[in-house]
Amino acid sequence: MRKLILYTILFSVGLLFNSCNNDNESPQDNTALRELVTRNLTENIINVKLPEPLISNTNENAKEVKAEFDFFVDLVGQLLTYLKVPENAISSKITENEESYNWFGFFINSSVVVKYNITRGIDKFNFVYNVTAGDTTLDAIKGYTSSNEQNGVFFVDTGSPVSLSWKITDSSNLILELMTPEKTTFTINKNNRSGKITYDTGVIYEWLENGSGQKTDENNTVFKW
């Protein structure tokens, strides 16, 4: 149910357009703010992978790990896609501390206007992805990325609190925490591919770099693969 709700949310607030980067640059560090918001997370989510023995494992608990991994990668990828500025966007403001873009797209079957704004704060880059369809306007996605690009959060407007936070640690772990409002925390090491998934219910999945692992259920019963 959680996955069904989130996929419905993301595809309902999604816009159907072809996105790609252009060459506008921010004078302060020669990198546009729109790139700084997504750059490090994009590089990391592209490079994370599960151990090959886990991917090929037919154990049901191992399959659940693979399904959850695919869900998180797809979710992050979809959010990052929304924040790409298409070629047909109009730059309404470009400074070293703020960028604003407008473009037309489609919201389900309706023509919409997108207003995307990024501002540079003291220690983070804030962004708001606003969508207008007819008389309805909402901040579909908003959040921030830290100035060192090591952590951030997406807030998705669904009528109920939904957020996805992310963090890259010194030990090369990528940590994703989803609040729907139930909390799911997904951790994977980019170097050796080991990882862990924890749920509010008490269920825990853990796996090693060789692909072996275990599931601990709500009753603290352990199932190994």
Protein backbone atom coordinates (compact mmCIF):
# COMPACT_ATOMS: atom_id res chain seq x y z
CA MET A 1 0.00 0.00 0.00
CA ARG A 2 2.82 2.42 0.86
CA LYS A 3 4.42 1.91 -2.53
CA LEU A 4 1.11 2.24 -4.38
CA ILE A 5 0.35 5.53 -2.62
CA LEU A 6 3.79 6.97 -3.32
CA TYR A 7 3.85 5.99 -6.97
CA THR A 8 0.39 7.54 -7.35
CA ILE A 9 1.62 10.71 -5.65
CA LEU A 10 4.75 11.07 -7.73
CA PHE A 11 3.18 10.36 -11.08
CA SER A 12 0.19 12.60 -10.33
CA VAL A 13 2.37 15.58 -9.49
CA GLY A 14 4.81 14.72 -12.27
CA LEU A 15 5.04 16.73 -15.44
CA LEU A 16 5.43 15.17 -18.86
CA PHE A 17 8.39 16.89 -20.47
CA ASN A 18 11.83 16.12 -21.86
CA SER A 19 14.41 17.51 -19.44
CA CYS A 20 18.04 18.22 -20.01
CA ASN A 21 20.67 20.53 -18.65
CA ASN A 22 21.78 23.77 -20.28
CA ASP A 23 24.86 25.89 -19.82
CA ASN A 24 23.86 28.79 -17.55
CA GLU A 25 26.36 29.07 -14.69
CA SER A 26 26.37 30.80 -11.35
CA PRO A 27 29.25 33.26 -11.10
CA GLN A 28 30.13 32.38 -7.51
CA ASP A 29 31.49 28.87 -8.12
CA ASN A 30 30.87 28.34 -11.84
CA THR A 31 28.13 25.83 -11.09
CA ALA A 32 24.46 26.70 -11.48
CA LEU A 33 22.36 26.41 -8.33
CA ARG A 34 20.01 24.00 -10.10
CA GLU A 35 22.98 21.65 -10.53
CA LEU A 36 24.16 21.98 -6.94
CA VAL A 37 20.73 20.97 -5.63
CA THR A 38 20.84 17.55 -7.29
CA ARG A 39 24.45 16.87 -8.35
CA ASN A 40 25.84 14.76 -5.52
CA LEU A 41 22.67 12.77 -4.86
CA THR A 42 22.39 12.03 -8.59
CA GLU A 43 25.97 10.73 -8.74
CA ASN A 44 25.46 8.56 -5.68
CA ILE A 45 22.08 7.07 -6.56
CA ILE A 46 23.40 6.12 -10.00
CA ASN A 47 26.37 4.27 -8.52
CA VAL A 48 24.77 2.32 -5.67
CA LYS A 49 24.20 -1.36 -6.35
CA LEU A 50 23.33 -4.50 -4.43
CA PRO A 51 25.82 -7.41 -4.27
CA GLU A 52 25.49 -9.68 -7.31
CA PRO A 53 24.82 -12.82 -5.19
CA LEU A 54 21.92 -11.00 -3.52
CA ILE A 55 20.47 -9.90 -6.86
CA SER A 56 20.46 -13.49 -8.13
CA ASN A 57 19.21 -15.00 -4.85
CA THR A 58 15.73 -16.55 -5.12
CA ASN A 59 15.03 -16.49 -1.37
CA GLU A 60 11.80 -14.58 -0.66
CA ASN A 61 13.43 -12.28 1.91
CA ALA A 62 16.27 -11.50 -0.49
CA LYS A 63 13.65 -10.68 -3.13
CA GLU A 64 12.01 -8.26 -0.70
CA VAL A 65 15.33 -6.45 -0.28
CA LYS A 66 15.70 -6.19 -4.05
CA ALA A 67 12.16 -4.84 -4.42
CA GLU A 68 12.75 -2.22 -1.73
CA PHE A 69 16.07 -1.23 -3.27
CA ASP A 70 14.41 -0.76 -6.67
CA PHE A 71 11.63 1.27 -5.05
CA PHE A 72 14.02 3.70 -3.38
CA VAL A 73 16.20 4.10 -6.47
CA ASP A 74 13.13 4.74 -8.64
CA LEU A 75 11.67 7.18 -6.12
CA VAL A 76 14.86 9.24 -5.87
CA GLY A 77 15.33 9.12 -9.64
CA GLN A 78 11.79 10.40 -10.22
CA LEU A 79 12.24 13.30 -7.81
CA LEU A 80 15.56 14.23 -9.40
CA THR A 81 13.97 14.12 -12.85
CA TYR A 82 11.33 16.63 -11.78
CA LEU A 83 14.05 19.04 -10.68
CA LYS A 84 15.83 19.04 -14.03
CA VAL A 85 15.26 22.30 -15.88
CA PRO A 86 14.17 21.65 -19.50
CA GLU A 87 15.62 23.49 -22.50
CA ASN A 88 12.38 25.39 -23.10
CA ALA A 89 12.40 26.92 -19.60
CA ILE A 90 12.44 30.70 -19.28
CA SER A 91 15.01 32.04 -16.83
CA SER A 92 13.24 34.81 -14.93
CA LYS A 93 16.09 35.41 -12.51
CA ILE A 94 19.70 34.25 -12.51
CA THR A 95 22.09 35.53 -9.83
CA GLU A 96 24.78 33.90 -7.72
CA ASN A 97 22.26 33.51 -4.88
CA GLU A 98 18.99 32.82 -6.67
CA GLU A 99 17.66 31.16 -9.81
CA SER A 100 14.04 31.09 -11.03
CA TYR A 101 12.65 29.21 -14.01
CA ASN A 102 9.20 28.96 -15.63
CA TRP A 103 7.95 26.51 -18.23
CA PHE A 104 4.79 24.90 -19.56
CA GLY A 105 4.02 21.22 -19.12
CA PHE A 106 1.13 18.83 -18.55
CA PHE A 107 -0.45 17.89 -15.23
CA ILE A 108 -2.34 14.64 -15.89
CA ASN A 109 -4.49 15.89 -18.82
CA SER A 110 -4.26 19.62 -18.07
CA SER A 111 -1.84 22.26 -19.25
CA VAL A 112 0.16 23.60 -16.31
CA VAL A 113 2.72 26.24 -15.50
CA VAL A 114 5.81 25.27 -13.51
CA LYS A 115 7.66 27.79 -11.37
CA TYR A 116 10.94 26.48 -10.00
CA ASN A 117 12.97 28.62 -7.60
CA ILE A 118 16.35 27.89 -5.96
CA THR A 119 18.02 30.15 -3.40
CA ARG A 120 21.41 29.98 -1.75
CA GLY A 121 21.28 30.22 2.05
CA ILE A 122 24.05 30.34 4.61
CA ASP A 123 24.45 26.57 4.80
CA LYS A 124 22.01 25.13 2.25
CA PHE A 125 20.31 25.51 -1.12
CA ASN A 126 16.52 25.82 -0.81
CA PHE A 127 14.20 24.90 -3.66
CA VAL A 128 10.47 25.14 -4.40
CA TYR A 129 8.84 23.37 -7.36
CA ASN A 130 5.44 25.04 -7.81
CA VAL A 131 2.73 23.81 -10.17
CA THR A 132 -0.35 25.73 -11.36
CA ALA A 133 -3.20 23.95 -13.15
CA GLY A 134 -6.32 26.05 -13.70
CA ASP A 135 -7.25 27.61 -10.38
CA THR A 136 -5.10 25.18 -8.40
CA THR A 137 -1.58 26.08 -7.31
CA LEU A 138 0.60 24.03 -5.01
CA ASP A 139 4.23 23.61 -4.04
CA ALA A 140 4.40 20.06 -5.35
CA ILE A 141 8.00 19.50 -4.22
CA LYS A 142 10.16 21.62 -1.97
CA GLY A 143 13.17 21.09 0.25
CA TYR A 144 16.86 21.77 0.50
CA THR A 145 20.35 20.44 -0.14
CA SER A 146 23.16 21.27 2.27
CA SER A 147 25.88 23.60 0.96
CA ASN A 148 28.41 20.74 1.13
CA GLU A 149 25.97 18.56 -0.87
CA GLN A 150 26.14 15.76 1.72
CA ASN A 151 22.50 15.77 2.85
CA GLY A 152 19.09 17.14 2.03
CA VAL A 153 15.35 16.54 2.05
CA PHE A 154 12.39 16.49 -0.33
CA PHE A 155 8.90 17.40 0.90
CA VAL A 156 6.10 16.22 -1.40
CA ASP A 157 2.66 17.85 -1.13
CA THR A 158 0.13 15.02 -0.89
CA GLY A 159 -2.37 16.37 1.62
CA SER A 160 -0.53 14.33 4.26
CA PRO A 161 3.12 14.55 5.33
CA VAL A 162 5.47 12.76 2.93
CA SER A 163 9.20 13.40 2.92
CA LEU A 164 12.41 11.79 1.74
CA SER A 165 15.65 12.78 3.45
CA TRP A 166 19.10 11.70 2.33
CA LYS A 167 22.62 11.74 3.73
CA ILE A 168 26.07 10.66 2.54
CA THR A 169 28.39 9.74 5.40
CA ASP A 170 32.17 9.75 5.72
CA SER A 171 32.08 5.94 5.69
CA SER A 172 30.56 5.98 2.16
CA ASN A 173 27.06 5.09 3.33
CA LEU A 174 24.07 6.50 1.46
CA ILE A 175 21.16 6.81 3.90
CA LEU A 176 17.60 7.40 2.67
CA GLU A 177 14.78 7.98 5.15
CA LEU A 178 11.20 7.93 3.93
CA MET A 179 8.32 9.30 6.04
CA THR A 180 4.82 8.47 4.78
CA PRO A 181 4.23 9.19 7.81
CA GLU A 182 5.52 5.68 8.70
CA LYS A 183 9.32 5.70 8.66
CA THR A 184 11.51 3.46 6.52
CA THR A 185 15.31 3.89 6.62
CA PHE A 186 17.42 2.47 3.81
CA THR A 187 21.22 2.38 4.22
CA ILE A 188 23.71 1.06 1.69
CA ASN A 189 27.50 1.25 1.52
CA LYS A 190 28.63 2.46 -1.89
CA ASN A 191 31.95 0.63 -1.70
CA ASN A 192 31.13 -2.90 -0.52
CA ARG A 193 27.35 -2.85 -1.23
CA SER A 194 26.38 -4.06 2.24
CA GLY A 195 23.29 -2.48 3.74
CA LYS A 196 20.31 -2.37 6.05
CA ILE A 197 16.59 -1.54 5.90
CA THR A 198 14.64 -0.72 9.06
CA TYR A 199 10.92 -0.10 9.52
CA ASP A 200 8.83 1.48 12.25
CA THR A 201 7.23 -1.92 12.74
CA GLY A 202 10.54 -3.33 13.99
CA VAL A 203 11.30 -5.34 10.85
CA ILE A 204 14.98 -5.21 9.88
CA TYR A 205 16.76 -6.47 6.77
CA GLU A 206 20.56 -6.68 6.81
CA TRP A 207 22.99 -7.98 4.21
CA LEU A 208 26.75 -8.30 3.77
CA GLU A 209 28.99 -7.58 0.80
CA ASN A 210 28.92 -11.28 -0.15
CA GLY A 211 25.12 -11.09 -0.54
CA SER A 212 24.21 -13.17 2.51
CA GLY A 213 21.84 -11.61 5.00
CA GLN A 214 18.91 -11.91 7.32
CA LYS A 215 15.45 -10.58 8.11
CA THR A 216 14.33 -9.90 11.68
CA ASP A 217 10.54 -9.74 11.94
CA GLU A 218 8.27 -7.93 14.43
CA ASN A 219 8.64 -10.84 16.88
CA ASN A 220 12.46 -10.78 16.68
CA THR A 221 12.48 -14.03 14.72
CA VAL A 222 15.48 -14.19 12.40
CA PHE A 223 15.33 -15.62 8.87
CA LYS A 224 18.67 -16.01 7.12
CA TRP A 225 19.58 -16.41 3.47
